[in-house]
Amino acid sequence: MKNYEIEVDGQVYHVKVRELPDDADMSASAGTEKAVDENKTTSKSPSASGTQIKSPMSGSILQVLVKPGQSVKAGDNLLILEAMKMENEIVAPEDGTVKEVLVKANDNVESDQILLVF
């Protein structure tokens, strides 16, 4: 593996890249485990099955607008995520009831991290 430092919009990221042979089966690499930075906090795993609402990008949770047990309609705001100095509203994709909220205000989240479960 090779280590690289990449800067995107002024944000510096450290990544590891492994070169694969040209005939490598890409589906096999999908099951490999991701490295976890020991300095990052990890959220608890969702215990409830259902629709998972994931973070579309890395950022910070500014405000959680729903509670477990609360009914929501498609398009209702669930929480506010700050990323790159922009406030992003995370909305309900469908009607349902919030089963579990996995983040709180001021939590830092990564892209594709599960935020809540319907």
PDB file of N, CA and C in Angstrom:
ATOM      1  N   MET A   1       0.847  -1.182   0.000  1.00  0.00           N
ATOM      2  CA  MET A   1       0.000   0.000   0.000  1.00  0.00           C
ATOM      3  C   MET A   1       0.892   1.245   0.000  1.00  0.00           C
ATOM      4  N   LYS A   2       0.380   2.259  -0.645  1.00  0.00           N
ATOM      5  CA  LYS A   2       1.081   3.530  -0.664  1.00  0.00           C
ATOM      6  C   LYS A   2       0.235   4.553   0.073  1.00  0.00           C
ATOM      7  N   ASN A   3       0.894   5.433   0.799  1.00  0.00           N
ATOM      8  CA  ASN A   3       0.222   6.504   1.523  1.00  0.00           C
ATOM      9  C   ASN A   3       0.274   7.774   0.694  1.00  0.00           C
ATOM     10  N   TYR A   4      -0.858   8.477   0.635  1.00  0.00           N
ATOM     11  CA  TYR A   4      -0.936   9.733  -0.087  1.00  0.00           C
ATOM     12  C   TYR A   4      -1.620  10.771   0.773  1.00  0.00           C
ATOM     13  N   GLU A   5      -1.299  12.021   0.511  1.00  0.00           N
ATOM     14  CA  GLU A   5      -1.993  13.139   1.127  1.00  0.00           C
ATOM     15  C   GLU A   5      -2.689  13.881   0.004  1.00  0.00           C
ATOM     16  N   ILE A   6      -4.006  14.042   0.132  1.00  0.00           N
ATOM     17  CA  ILE A   6      -4.808  14.690  -0.904  1.00  0.00           C
ATOM     18  C   ILE A   6      -5.499  15.894  -0.286  1.00  0.00           C
ATOM     19  N   GLU A   7      -5.489  17.003  -1.002  1.00  0.00           N
ATOM     20  CA  GLU A   7      -6.183  18.198  -0.542  1.00  0.00           C
ATOM     21  C   GLU A   7      -7.357  18.476  -1.468  1.00  0.00           C
ATOM     22  N   VAL A   8      -8.551  18.591  -0.870  1.00  0.00           N
ATOM     23  CA  VAL A   8      -9.767  18.880  -1.608  1.00  0.00           C
ATOM     24  C   VAL A   8     -10.437  20.079  -0.954  1.00  0.00           C
ATOM     25  N   ASP A   9     -10.585  21.154  -1.698  1.00  0.00           N
ATOM     26  CA  ASP A   9     -11.212  22.371  -1.178  1.00  0.00           C
ATOM     27  C   ASP A   9     -10.604  22.823   0.136  1.00  0.00           C
ATOM     28  N   GLY A  10      -9.291  22.737   0.238  1.00  0.00           N
ATOM     29  CA  GLY A  10      -8.595  23.194   1.430  1.00  0.00           C
ATOM     30  C   GLY A  10      -8.566  22.188   2.567  1.00  0.00           C
ATOM     31  N   GLN A  11      -9.276  21.076   2.444  1.00  0.00           N
ATOM     32  CA  GLN A  11      -9.304  20.026   3.469  1.00  0.00           C
ATOM     33  C   GLN A  11      -8.295  18.950   3.080  1.00  0.00           C
ATOM     34  N   VAL A  12      -7.394  18.600   3.990  1.00  0.00           N
ATOM     35  CA  VAL A  12      -6.361  17.607   3.710  1.00  0.00           C
ATOM     36  C   VAL A  12      -6.827  16.239   4.192  1.00  0.00           C
ATOM     37  N   TYR A  13      -6.701  15.244   3.319  1.00  0.00           N
ATOM     38  CA  TYR A  13      -7.068  13.858   3.635  1.00  0.00           C
ATOM     39  C   TYR A  13      -5.847  12.973   3.458  1.00  0.00           C
ATOM     40  N   HIS A  14      -5.691  11.995   4.352  1.00  0.00           N
ATOM     41  CA  HIS A  14      -4.623  11.006   4.249  1.00  0.00           C
ATOM     42  C   HIS A  14      -5.278   9.704   3.819  1.00  0.00           C
ATOM     43  N   VAL A  15      -4.798   9.143   2.716  1.00  0.00           N
ATOM     44  CA  VAL A  15      -5.389   7.917   2.188  1.00  0.00           C
ATOM     45  C   VAL A  15      -4.313   6.884   1.918  1.00  0.00           C
ATOM     46  N   LYS A  16      -4.728   5.616   1.958  1.00  0.00           N
ATOM     47  CA  LYS A  16      -3.862   4.509   1.587  1.00  0.00           C
ATOM     48  C   LYS A  16      -4.447   3.900   0.324  1.00  0.00           C
ATOM     49  N   VAL A  17      -3.582   3.620  -0.668  1.00  0.00           N
ATOM     50  CA  VAL A  17      -4.036   3.071  -1.938  1.00  0.00           C
ATOM     51  C   VAL A  17      -3.272   1.786  -2.216  1.00  0.00           C
ATOM     52  N   ARG A  18      -4.022   0.766  -2.595  1.00  0.00           N
ATOM     53  CA  ARG A  18      -3.424  -0.513  -2.934  1.00  0.00           C
ATOM     54  C   ARG A  18      -3.681  -0.769  -4.411  1.00  0.00           C
ATOM     55  N   GLU A  19      -2.644  -1.078  -5.165  1.00  0.00           N
ATOM     56  CA  GLU A  19      -2.790  -1.368  -6.579  1.00  0.00           C
ATOM     57  C   GLU A  19      -3.202  -2.821  -6.759  1.00  0.00           C
ATOM     58  N   LEU A  20      -4.203  -3.044  -7.621  1.00  0.00           N
ATOM     59  CA  LEU A  20      -4.685  -4.378  -7.908  1.00  0.00           C
ATOM     60  C   LEU A  20      -4.241  -4.795  -9.305  1.00  0.00           C
ATOM     61  N   PRO A  21      -4.071  -6.079  -9.546  1.00  0.00           N
ATOM     62  CA  PRO A  21      -3.744  -6.528 -10.897  1.00  0.00           C
ATOM     63  C   PRO A  21      -4.910  -6.235 -11.844  1.00  0.00           C
ATOM     64  N   ASP A  22      -4.615  -6.104 -13.144  1.00  0.00           N
ATOM     65  CA  ASP A  22      -5.641  -5.765 -14.124  1.00  0.00           C
ATOM     66  C   ASP A  22      -6.786  -6.765 -14.151  1.00  0.00           C
ATOM     67  N   ASP A  23      -6.520  -8.030 -13.864  1.00  0.00           N
ATOM     68  CA  ASP A  23      -7.556  -9.058 -13.925  1.00  0.00           C
ATOM     69  C   ASP A  23      -8.217  -9.318 -12.564  1.00  0.00           C
ATOM     70  N   ALA A  24      -8.035  -8.422 -11.609  1.00  0.00           N
ATOM     71  CA  ALA A  24      -8.583  -8.605 -10.260  1.00  0.00           C
ATOM     72  C   ALA A  24     -10.104  -8.508 -10.284  1.00  0.00           C
ATOM     73  N   ASP A  25     -10.746  -9.354  -9.496  1.00  0.00           N
ATOM     74  CA  ASP A  25     -12.196  -9.329  -9.347  1.00  0.00           C
ATOM     75  C   ASP A  25     -12.546  -8.211  -8.372  1.00  0.00           C
ATOM     76  N   MET A  26     -13.175  -7.151  -8.859  1.00  0.00           N
ATOM     77  CA  MET A  26     -13.466  -5.985  -8.022  1.00  0.00           C
ATOM     78  C   MET A  26     -14.493  -6.295  -6.939  1.00  0.00           C
ATOM     79  N   SER A  27     -15.364  -7.280  -7.141  1.00  0.00           N
ATOM     80  CA  SER A  27     -16.348  -7.606  -6.121  1.00  0.00           C
ATOM     81  C   SER A  27     -15.693  -8.213  -4.887  1.00  0.00           C
ATOM     82  N   ALA A  28     -14.537  -8.852  -5.048  1.00  0.00           N
ATOM     83  CA  ALA A  28     -13.838  -9.451  -3.909  1.00  0.00           C
ATOM     84  C   ALA A  28     -13.279  -8.383  -2.985  1.00  0.00           C
ATOM     85  N   SER A  29     -12.860  -7.243  -3.536  1.00  0.00           N
ATOM     86  CA  SER A  29     -12.295  -6.190  -2.688  1.00  0.00           C
ATOM     87  C   SER A  29     -13.366  -5.447  -1.908  1.00  0.00           C
ATOM     88  N   ALA A  30     -14.631  -5.595  -2.309  1.00  0.00           N
ATOM     89  CA  ALA A  30     -15.712  -4.902  -1.615  1.00  0.00           C
ATOM     90  C   ALA A  30     -15.906  -5.421  -0.198  1.00  0.00           C
ATOM     91  N   GLY A  31     -15.485  -6.658   0.070  1.00  0.00           N
ATOM     92  CA  GLY A  31     -15.675  -7.230   1.388  1.00  0.00           C
ATOM     93  C   GLY A  31     -14.549  -6.944   2.352  1.00  0.00           C
ATOM     94  N   THR A  32     -13.506  -6.250   1.915  1.00  0.00           N
ATOM     95  CA  THR A  32     -12.394  -5.992   2.809  1.00  0.00           C
ATOM     96  C   THR A  32     -12.779  -4.975   3.858  1.00  0.00           C
ATOM     97  N   GLU A  33     -12.164  -5.070   5.009  1.00  0.00           N
ATOM     98  CA  GLU A  33     -12.484  -4.161   6.102  1.00  0.00           C
ATOM     99  C   GLU A  33     -11.801  -2.823   5.890  1.00  0.00           C
ATOM    100  N   LYS A  34     -12.497  -1.768   6.283  1.00  0.00           N
ATOM    101  CA  LYS A  34     -11.931  -0.428   6.214  1.00  0.00           C
ATOM    102  C   LYS A  34     -11.119  -0.170   7.474  1.00  0.00           C
ATOM    103  N   ALA A  35     -10.022   0.537   7.311  1.00  0.00           N
ATOM    104  CA  ALA A  35      -9.215   0.902   8.474  1.00  0.00           C
ATOM    105  C   ALA A  35      -9.950   1.972   9.257  1.00  0.00           C
ATOM    106  N   VAL A  36      -9.869   1.901  10.573  1.00  0.00           N
ATOM    107  CA  VAL A  36     -10.539   2.875  11.430  1.00  0.00           C
ATOM    108  C   VAL A  36      -9.485   3.702  12.138  1.00  0.00           C
ATOM    109  N   ASP A  37      -9.610   5.009  12.016  1.00  0.00           N
ATOM    110  CA  ASP A  37      -8.701   5.920  12.684  1.00  0.00           C
ATOM    111  C   ASP A  37      -9.031   5.885  14.177  1.00  0.00           C
ATOM    112  N   GLU A  38      -8.043   5.608  15.009  1.00  0.00           N
ATOM    113  CA  GLU A  38      -8.281   5.481  16.441  1.00  0.00           C
ATOM    114  C   GLU A  38      -8.720   6.790  17.077  1.00  0.00           C
ATOM    115  N   ASN A  39      -8.475   7.921  16.441  1.00  0.00           N
ATOM    116  CA  ASN A  39      -8.844   9.211  17.009  1.00  0.00           C
ATOM    117  C   ASN A  39     -10.287   9.575  16.735  1.00  0.00           C
ATOM    118  N   LYS A  40     -10.953   8.858  15.848  1.00  0.00           N
ATOM    119  CA  LYS A  40     -12.329   9.182  15.502  1.00  0.00           C
ATOM    120  C   LYS A  40     -13.266   8.483  16.465  1.00  0.00           C
ATOM    121  N   THR A  41     -14.381   9.143  16.745  1.00  0.00           N
ATOM    122  CA  THR A  41     -15.386   8.502  17.574  1.00  0.00           C
ATOM    123  C   THR A  41     -16.303   7.717  16.656  1.00  0.00           C
ATOM    124  N   THR A  42     -16.730   6.559  17.096  1.00  0.00           N
ATOM    125  CA  THR A  42     -17.638   5.755  16.298  1.00  0.00           C
ATOM    126  C   THR A  42     -18.996   5.766  16.956  1.00  0.00           C
ATOM    127  N   SER A  43     -20.034   5.795  16.138  1.00  0.00           N
ATOM    128  CA  SER A  43     -21.374   5.793  16.703  1.00  0.00           C
ATOM    129  C   SER A  43     -21.786   4.368  17.000  1.00  0.00           C
ATOM    130  N   LYS A  44     -22.786   4.241  17.839  1.00  0.00           N
ATOM    131  CA  LYS A  44     -23.279   2.913  18.150  1.00  0.00           C
ATOM    132  C   LYS A  44     -23.951   2.326  16.918  1.00  0.00           C
ATOM    133  N   SER A  45     -24.003   1.014  16.871  1.00  0.00           N
ATOM    134  CA  SER A  45     -24.634   0.331  15.752  1.00  0.00           C
ATOM    135  C   SER A  45     -26.142   0.342  15.940  1.00  0.00           C
ATOM    136  N   PRO A  46     -26.879   0.437  14.826  1.00  0.00           N
ATOM    137  CA  PRO A  46     -28.324   0.425  14.966  1.00  0.00           C
ATOM    138  C   PRO A  46     -28.815  -0.956  15.368  1.00  0.00           C
ATOM    139  N   SER A  47     -29.702  -1.023  16.344  1.00  0.00           N
ATOM    140  CA  SER A  47     -30.240  -2.306  16.775  1.00  0.00           C
ATOM    141  C   SER A  47     -31.551  -2.605  16.056  1.00  0.00           C
ATOM    142  N   ALA A  48     -32.208  -1.572  15.568  1.00  0.00           N
ATOM    143  CA  ALA A  48     -33.484  -1.760  14.898  1.00  0.00           C
ATOM    144  C   ALA A  48     -33.282  -1.927  13.399  1.00  0.00           C
ATOM    145  N   SER A  49     -34.040  -2.857  12.827  1.00  0.00           N
ATOM    146  CA  SER A  49     -33.977  -2.995  11.379  1.00  0.00           C
ATOM    147  C   SER A  49     -34.951  -2.001  10.768  1.00  0.00           C
ATOM    148  N   GLY A  50     -34.692  -1.604   9.557  1.00  0.00           N
ATOM    149  CA  GLY A  50     -35.565  -0.647   8.889  1.00  0.00           C
ATOM    150  C   GLY A  50     -34.763   0.195   7.922  1.00  0.00           C
ATOM    151  N   THR A  51     -35.351   1.290   7.504  1.00  0.00           N
ATOM    152  CA  THR A  51     -34.691   2.193   6.575  1.00  0.00           C
ATOM    153  C   THR A  51     -33.615   2.980   7.311  1.00  0.00           C
ATOM    154  N   GLN A  52     -32.392   2.877   6.831  1.00  0.00           N
ATOM    155  CA  GLN A  52     -31.275   3.602   7.447  1.00  0.00           C
ATOM    156  C   GLN A  52     -31.060   4.911   6.707  1.00  0.00           C
ATOM    157  N   ILE A  53     -30.993   5.993   7.448  1.00  0.00           N
ATOM    158  CA  ILE A  53     -30.681   7.302   6.876  1.00  0.00           C
ATOM    159  C   ILE A  53     -29.196   7.525   7.102  1.00  0.00           C
ATOM    160  N   LYS A  54     -28.444   7.645   6.000  1.00  0.00           N
ATOM    161  CA  LYS A  54     -26.994   7.790   6.082  1.00  0.00           C
ATOM    162  C   LYS A  54     -26.572   9.208   5.719  1.00  0.00           C
ATOM    163  N   SER A  55     -25.434   9.599   6.254  1.00  0.00           N
ATOM    164  CA  SER A  55     -24.887  10.916   5.962  1.00  0.00           C
ATOM    165  C   SER A  55     -24.406  10.952   4.512  1.00  0.00           C
ATOM    166  N   PRO A  56     -24.814  11.963   3.761  1.00  0.00           N
ATOM    167  CA  PRO A  56     -24.362  12.060   2.368  1.00  0.00           C
ATOM    168  C   PRO A  56     -22.915  12.542   2.246  1.00  0.00           C
ATOM    169  N   MET A  57     -22.363  13.075   3.350  1.00  0.00           N
ATOM    170  CA  MET A  57     -20.998  13.603   3.329  1.00  0.00           C
ATOM    171  C   MET A  57     -20.478  13.727   4.756  1.00  0.00           C
ATOM    172  N   SER A  58     -19.192  13.922   4.898  1.00  0.00           N
ATOM    173  CA  SER A  58     -18.600  14.167   6.211  1.00  0.00           C
ATOM    174  C   SER A  58     -19.010  15.552   6.688  1.00  0.00           C
ATOM    175  N   GLY A  59     -19.172  15.681   7.981  1.00  0.00           N
ATOM    176  CA  GLY A  59     -19.538  16.983   8.516  1.00  0.00           C
ATOM    177  C   GLY A  59     -19.819  16.906  10.000  1.00  0.00           C
ATOM    178  N   SER A  60     -20.553  17.895  10.490  1.00  0.00           N
ATOM    179  CA  SER A  60     -20.882  17.995  11.909  1.00  0.00           C
ATOM    180  C   SER A  60     -22.394  18.163  12.050  1.00  0.00           C
ATOM    181  N   ILE A  61     -22.969  17.436  12.992  1.00  0.00           N
ATOM    182  CA  ILE A  61     -24.410  17.546  13.237  1.00  0.00           C
ATOM    183  C   ILE A  61     -24.663  18.839  14.008  1.00  0.00           C
ATOM    184  N   LEU A  62     -25.448  19.724  13.414  1.00  0.00           N
ATOM    185  CA  LEU A  62     -25.792  20.975  14.090  1.00  0.00           C
ATOM    186  C   LEU A  62     -27.015  20.803  14.983  1.00  0.00           C
ATOM    187  N   GLN A  63     -28.012  20.065  14.460  1.00  0.00           N
ATOM    188  CA  GLN A  63     -29.261  19.964  15.199  1.00  0.00           C
ATOM    189  C   GLN A  63     -29.978  18.676  14.803  1.00  0.00           C
ATOM    190  N   VAL A  64     -30.494  17.958  15.797  1.00  0.00           N
ATOM    191  CA  VAL A  64     -31.342  16.797  15.555  1.00  0.00           C
ATOM    192  C   VAL A  64     -32.774  17.258  15.790  1.00  0.00           C
ATOM    193  N   LEU A  65     -33.624  17.081  14.785  1.00  0.00           N
ATOM    194  CA  LEU A  65     -34.975  17.627  14.834  1.00  0.00           C
ATOM    195  C   LEU A  65     -36.051  16.601  15.181  1.00  0.00           C
ATOM    196  N   VAL A  66     -35.677  15.344  15.341  1.00  0.00           N
ATOM    197  CA  VAL A  66     -36.650  14.286  15.626  1.00  0.00           C
ATOM    198  C   VAL A  66     -36.207  13.460  16.826  1.00  0.00           C
ATOM    199  N   LYS A  67     -37.157  12.692  17.368  1.00  0.00           N
ATOM    200  CA  LYS A  67     -36.888  11.811  18.508  1.00  0.00           C
ATOM    201  C   LYS A  67     -37.404  10.416  18.169  1.00  0.00           C
ATOM    202  N   PRO A  68     -36.865   9.382  18.814  1.00  0.00           N
ATOM    203  CA  PRO A  68     -37.394   8.034  18.597  1.00  0.00           C
ATOM    204  C   PRO A  68     -38.891   7.993  18.922  1.00  0.00           C
ATOM    205  N   GLY A  69     -39.637   7.293  18.068  1.00  0.00           N
ATOM    206  CA  GLY A  69     -41.078   7.190  18.250  1.00  0.00           C
ATOM    207  C   GLY A  69     -41.870   8.258  17.519  1.00  0.00           C
ATOM    208  N   GLN A  70     -41.188   9.275  17.009  1.00  0.00           N
ATOM    209  CA  GLN A  70     -41.860  10.375  16.326  1.00  0.00           C
ATOM    210  C   GLN A  70     -42.242   9.956  14.909  1.00  0.00           C
ATOM    211  N   SER A  71     -43.473  10.280  14.496  1.00  0.00           N
ATOM    212  CA  SER A  71     -43.924  10.028  13.124  1.00  0.00           C
ATOM    213  C   SER A  71     -43.488  11.175  12.239  1.00  0.00           C
ATOM    214  N   VAL A  72     -43.022  10.822  11.045  1.00  0.00           N
ATOM    215  CA  VAL A  72     -42.608  11.846  10.089  1.00  0.00           C
ATOM    216  C   VAL A  72     -43.195  11.521   8.718  1.00  0.00           C
ATOM    217  N   LYS A  73     -43.349  12.540   7.916  1.00  0.00           N
ATOM    218  CA  LYS A  73     -43.824  12.402   6.542  1.00  0.00           C
ATOM    219  C   LYS A  73     -42.638  12.548   5.599  1.00  0.00           C
ATOM    220  N   ALA A  74     -42.763  12.000   4.414  1.00  0.00           N
ATOM    221  CA  ALA A  74     -41.715  12.145   3.401  1.00  0.00           C
ATOM    222  C   ALA A  74     -41.423  13.625   3.184  1.00  0.00           C
ATOM    223  N   GLY A  75     -40.146  13.997   3.221  1.00  0.00           N
ATOM    224  CA  GLY A  75     -39.744  15.388   3.028  1.00  0.00           C
ATOM    225  C   GLY A  75     -39.580  16.183   4.308  1.00  0.00           C
ATOM    226  N   ASP A  76     -40.019  15.629   5.443  1.00  0.00           N
ATOM    227  CA  ASP A  76     -39.826  16.326   6.727  1.00  0.00           C
ATOM    228  C   ASP A  76     -38.344  16.388   7.064  1.00  0.00           C
ATOM    229  N   ASN A  77     -37.913  17.489   7.658  1.00  0.00           N
ATOM    230  CA  ASN A  77     -36.518  17.624   8.088  1.00  0.00           C
ATOM    231  C   ASN A  77     -36.257  16.734   9.294  1.00  0.00           C
ATOM    232  N   LEU A  78     -35.160  15.980   9.240  1.00  0.00           N
ATOM    233  CA  LEU A  78     -34.781  15.094  10.330  1.00  0.00           C
ATOM    234  C   LEU A  78     -33.659  15.684  11.159  1.00  0.00           C
ATOM    235  N   LEU A  79     -32.668  16.261  10.472  1.00  0.00           N
ATOM    236  CA  LEU A  79     -31.546  16.889  11.164  1.00  0.00           C
ATOM    237  C   LEU A  79     -30.828  17.831  10.229  1.00  0.00           C
ATOM    238  N   ILE A  80     -29.963  18.658  10.813  1.00  0.00           N
ATOM    239  CA  ILE A  80     -29.164  19.616  10.048  1.00  0.00           C
ATOM    240  C   ILE A  80     -27.707  19.188  10.154  1.00  0.00           C
ATOM    241  N   LEU A  81     -27.061  19.032   8.996  1.00  0.00           N
ATOM    242  CA  LEU A  81     -25.660  18.632   8.911  1.00  0.00           C
ATOM    243  C   LEU A  81     -24.861  19.770   8.309  1.00  0.00           C
ATOM    244  N   GLU A  82     -23.824  20.208   9.028  1.00  0.00           N
ATOM    245  CA  GLU A  82     -22.950  21.244   8.491  1.00  0.00           C
ATOM    246  C   GLU A  82     -21.763  20.577   7.817  1.00  0.00           C
ATOM    247  N   ALA A  83     -21.544  20.940   6.566  1.00  0.00           N
ATOM    248  CA  ALA A  83     -20.404  20.434   5.817  1.00  0.00           C
ATOM    249  C   ALA A  83     -19.911  21.537   4.900  1.00  0.00           C
ATOM    250  N   MET A  84     -18.630  21.803   4.952  1.00  0.00           N
ATOM    251  CA  MET A  84     -18.007  22.835   4.121  1.00  0.00           C
ATOM    252  C   MET A  84     -18.703  24.192   4.275  1.00  0.00           C
ATOM    253  N   LYS A  85     -18.972  24.555   5.514  1.00  0.00           N
ATOM    254  CA  LYS A  85     -19.583  25.844   5.874  1.00  0.00           C
ATOM    255  C   LYS A  85     -21.002  26.004   5.335  1.00  0.00           C
ATOM    256  N   MET A  86     -21.640  24.892   4.944  1.00  0.00           N
ATOM    257  CA  MET A  86     -23.012  24.921   4.445  1.00  0.00           C
ATOM    258  C   MET A  86     -23.890  24.083   5.365  1.00  0.00           C
ATOM    259  N   GLU A  87     -25.104  24.541   5.611  1.00  0.00           N
ATOM    260  CA  GLU A  87     -26.061  23.771   6.385  1.00  0.00           C
ATOM    261  C   GLU A  87     -26.898  22.937   5.427  1.00  0.00           C
ATOM    262  N   ASN A  88     -26.901  21.621   5.638  1.00  0.00           N
ATOM    263  CA  ASN A  88     -27.620  20.695   4.768  1.00  0.00           C
ATOM    264  C   ASN A  88     -28.745  20.045   5.555  1.00  0.00           C
ATOM    265  N   GLU A  89     -29.961  20.149   5.043  1.00  0.00           N
ATOM    266  CA  GLU A  89     -31.109  19.531   5.687  1.00  0.00           C
ATOM    267  C   GLU A  89     -31.189  18.076   5.233  1.00  0.00           C
ATOM    268  N   ILE A  90     -31.208  17.164   6.172  1.00  0.00           N
ATOM    269  CA  ILE A  90     -31.396  15.752   5.875  1.00  0.00           C
ATOM    270  C   ILE A  90     -32.878  15.474   6.081  1.00  0.00           C
ATOM    271  N   VAL A  91     -33.551  15.007   5.032  1.00  0.00           N
ATOM    272  CA  VAL A  91     -35.002  14.855   5.070  1.00  0.00           C
ATOM    273  C   VAL A  91     -35.412  13.389   5.009  1.00  0.00           C
ATOM    274  N   ALA A  92     -36.627  13.132   5.452  1.00  0.00           N
ATOM    275  CA  ALA A  92     -37.177  11.780   5.434  1.00  0.00           C
ATOM    276  C   ALA A  92     -37.481  11.376   3.995  1.00  0.00           C
ATOM    277  N   PRO A  93     -36.999  10.199   3.580  1.00  0.00           N
ATOM    278  CA  PRO A  93     -37.264   9.753   2.215  1.00  0.00           C
ATOM    279  C   PRO A  93     -38.677   9.201   2.037  1.00  0.00           C
ATOM    280  N   GLU A  94     -39.335   8.878   3.139  1.00  0.00           N
ATOM    281  CA  GLU A  94     -40.669   8.272   3.101  1.00  0.00           C
ATOM    282  C   GLU A  94     -41.385   8.526   4.419  1.00  0.00           C
ATOM    283  N   ASP A  95     -42.690   8.282   4.435  1.00  0.00           N
ATOM    284  CA  ASP A  95     -43.459   8.368   5.677  1.00  0.00           C
ATOM    285  C   ASP A  95     -43.017   7.237   6.599  1.00  0.00           C
ATOM    286  N   GLY A  96     -43.002   7.501   7.892  1.00  0.00           N
ATOM    287  CA  GLY A  96     -42.631   6.450   8.826  1.00  0.00           C
ATOM    288  C   GLY A  96     -42.499   6.957  10.241  1.00  0.00           C
ATOM    289  N   THR A  97     -41.980   6.099  11.090  1.00  0.00           N
ATOM    290  CA  THR A  97     -41.749   6.416  12.498  1.00  0.00           C
ATOM    291  C   THR A  97     -40.270   6.245  12.793  1.00  0.00           C
ATOM    292  N   VAL A  98     -39.679   7.216  13.458  1.00  0.00           N
ATOM    293  CA  VAL A  98     -38.266   7.149  13.811  1.00  0.00           C
ATOM    294  C   VAL A  98     -38.082   6.068  14.868  1.00  0.00           C
ATOM    295  N   LYS A  99     -37.256   5.063  14.557  1.00  0.00           N
ATOM    296  CA  LYS A  99     -37.001   3.980  15.508  1.00  0.00           C
ATOM    297  C   LYS A  99     -35.823   4.291  16.410  1.00  0.00           C
ATOM    298  N   GLU A 100     -34.778   4.867  15.819  1.00  0.00           N
ATOM    299  CA  GLU A 100     -33.545   5.068  16.581  1.00  0.00           C
ATOM    300  C   GLU A 100     -32.774   6.259  16.015  1.00  0.00           C
ATOM    301  N   VAL A 101     -32.292   7.137  16.878  1.00  0.00           N
ATOM    302  CA  VAL A 101     -31.436   8.256  16.495  1.00  0.00           C
ATOM    303  C   VAL A 101     -30.033   7.929  16.991  1.00  0.00           C
ATOM    304  N   LEU A 102     -29.059   7.884  16.089  1.00  0.00           N
ATOM    305  CA  LEU A 102     -27.706   7.431  16.429  1.00  0.00           C
ATOM    306  C   LEU A 102     -26.703   8.561  16.595  1.00  0.00           C
ATOM    307  N   VAL A 103     -27.133   9.809  16.423  1.00  0.00           N
ATOM    308  CA  VAL A 103     -26.230  10.952  16.551  1.00  0.00           C
ATOM    309  C   VAL A 103     -26.880  12.009  17.428  1.00  0.00           C
ATOM    310  N   LYS A 104     -26.057  12.964  17.851  1.00  0.00           N
ATOM    311  CA  LYS A 104     -26.562  14.095  18.624  1.00  0.00           C
ATOM    312  C   LYS A 104     -25.857  15.358  18.128  1.00  0.00           C
ATOM    313  N   ALA A 105     -26.337  16.496  18.541  1.00  0.00           N
ATOM    314  CA  ALA A 105     -25.740  17.764  18.138  1.00  0.00           C
ATOM    315  C   ALA A 105     -24.251  17.783  18.477  1.00  0.00           C
ATOM    316  N   ASN A 106     -23.455  18.330  17.600  1.00  0.00           N
ATOM    317  CA  ASN A 106     -22.008  18.481  17.708  1.00  0.00           C
ATOM    318  C   ASN A 106     -21.220  17.207  17.398  1.00  0.00           C
ATOM    319  N   ASP A 107     -21.901  16.103  17.051  1.00  0.00           N
ATOM    320  CA  ASP A 107     -21.182  14.901  16.627  1.00  0.00           C
ATOM    321  C   ASP A 107     -20.570  15.133  15.256  1.00  0.00           C
ATOM    322  N   ASN A 108     -19.354  14.643  15.068  1.00  0.00           N
ATOM    323  CA  ASN A 108     -18.740  14.633  13.742  1.00  0.00           C
ATOM    324  C   ASN A 108     -19.088  13.307  13.090  1.00  0.00           C
ATOM    325  N   VAL A 109     -19.516  13.356  11.832  1.00  0.00           N
ATOM    326  CA  VAL A 109     -19.912  12.145  11.125  1.00  0.00           C
ATOM    327  C   VAL A 109     -19.131  12.023   9.820  1.00  0.00           C
ATOM    328  N   GLU A 110     -19.026  10.799   9.349  1.00  0.00           N
ATOM    329  CA  GLU A 110     -18.350  10.500   8.092  1.00  0.00           C
ATOM    330  C   GLU A 110     -19.395  10.225   7.014  1.00  0.00           C
ATOM    331  N   SER A 111     -18.982  10.303   5.781  1.00  0.00           N
ATOM    332  CA  SER A 111     -19.848   9.969   4.666  1.00  0.00           C
ATOM    333  C   SER A 111     -20.333   8.532   4.805  1.00  0.00           C
ATOM    334  N   ASP A 112     -21.603   8.297   4.567  1.00  0.00           N
ATOM    335  CA  ASP A 112     -22.258   6.985   4.639  1.00  0.00           C
ATOM    336  C   ASP A 112     -22.422   6.448   6.058  1.00  0.00           C
ATOM    337  N   GLN A 113     -22.156   7.259   7.067  1.00  0.00           N
ATOM    338  CA  GLN A 113     -22.414   6.837   8.442  1.00  0.00           C
ATOM    339  C   GLN A 113     -23.924   6.855   8.678  1.00  0.00           C
ATOM    340  N   ILE A 114     -24.428   5.845   9.368  1.00  0.00           N
ATOM    341  CA  ILE A 114     -25.859   5.769   9.669  1.00  0.00           C
ATOM    342  C   ILE A 114     -26.185   6.805  10.738  1.00  0.00           C
ATOM    343  N   LEU A 115     -27.152   7.678  10.437  1.00  0.00           N
ATOM    344  CA  LEU A 115     -27.547   8.749  11.340  1.00  0.00           C
ATOM    345  C   LEU A 115     -28.771   8.372  12.167  1.00  0.00           C
ATOM    346  N   LEU A 116     -29.749   7.750  11.505  1.00  0.00           N
ATOM    347  CA  LEU A 116     -30.940   7.301  12.206  1.00  0.00           C
ATOM    348  C   LEU A 116     -31.617   6.198  11.416  1.00  0.00           C
ATOM    349  N   VAL A 117     -32.563   5.527  12.069  1.00  0.00           N
ATOM    350  CA  VAL A 117     -33.255   4.391  11.472  1.00  0.00           C
ATOM    351  C   VAL A 117     -34.748   4.625  11.574  1.00  0.00           C
ATOM    352  N   PHE A 118     -35.461   4.343  10.481  1.00  0.00           N
ATOM    353  CA  PHE A 118     -36.931   4.412  10.441  1.00  0.00           C
ATOM    354  C   PHE A 118     -37.483   3.058  10.805  1.00  0.00           C
TER     355      PHE A 118
END
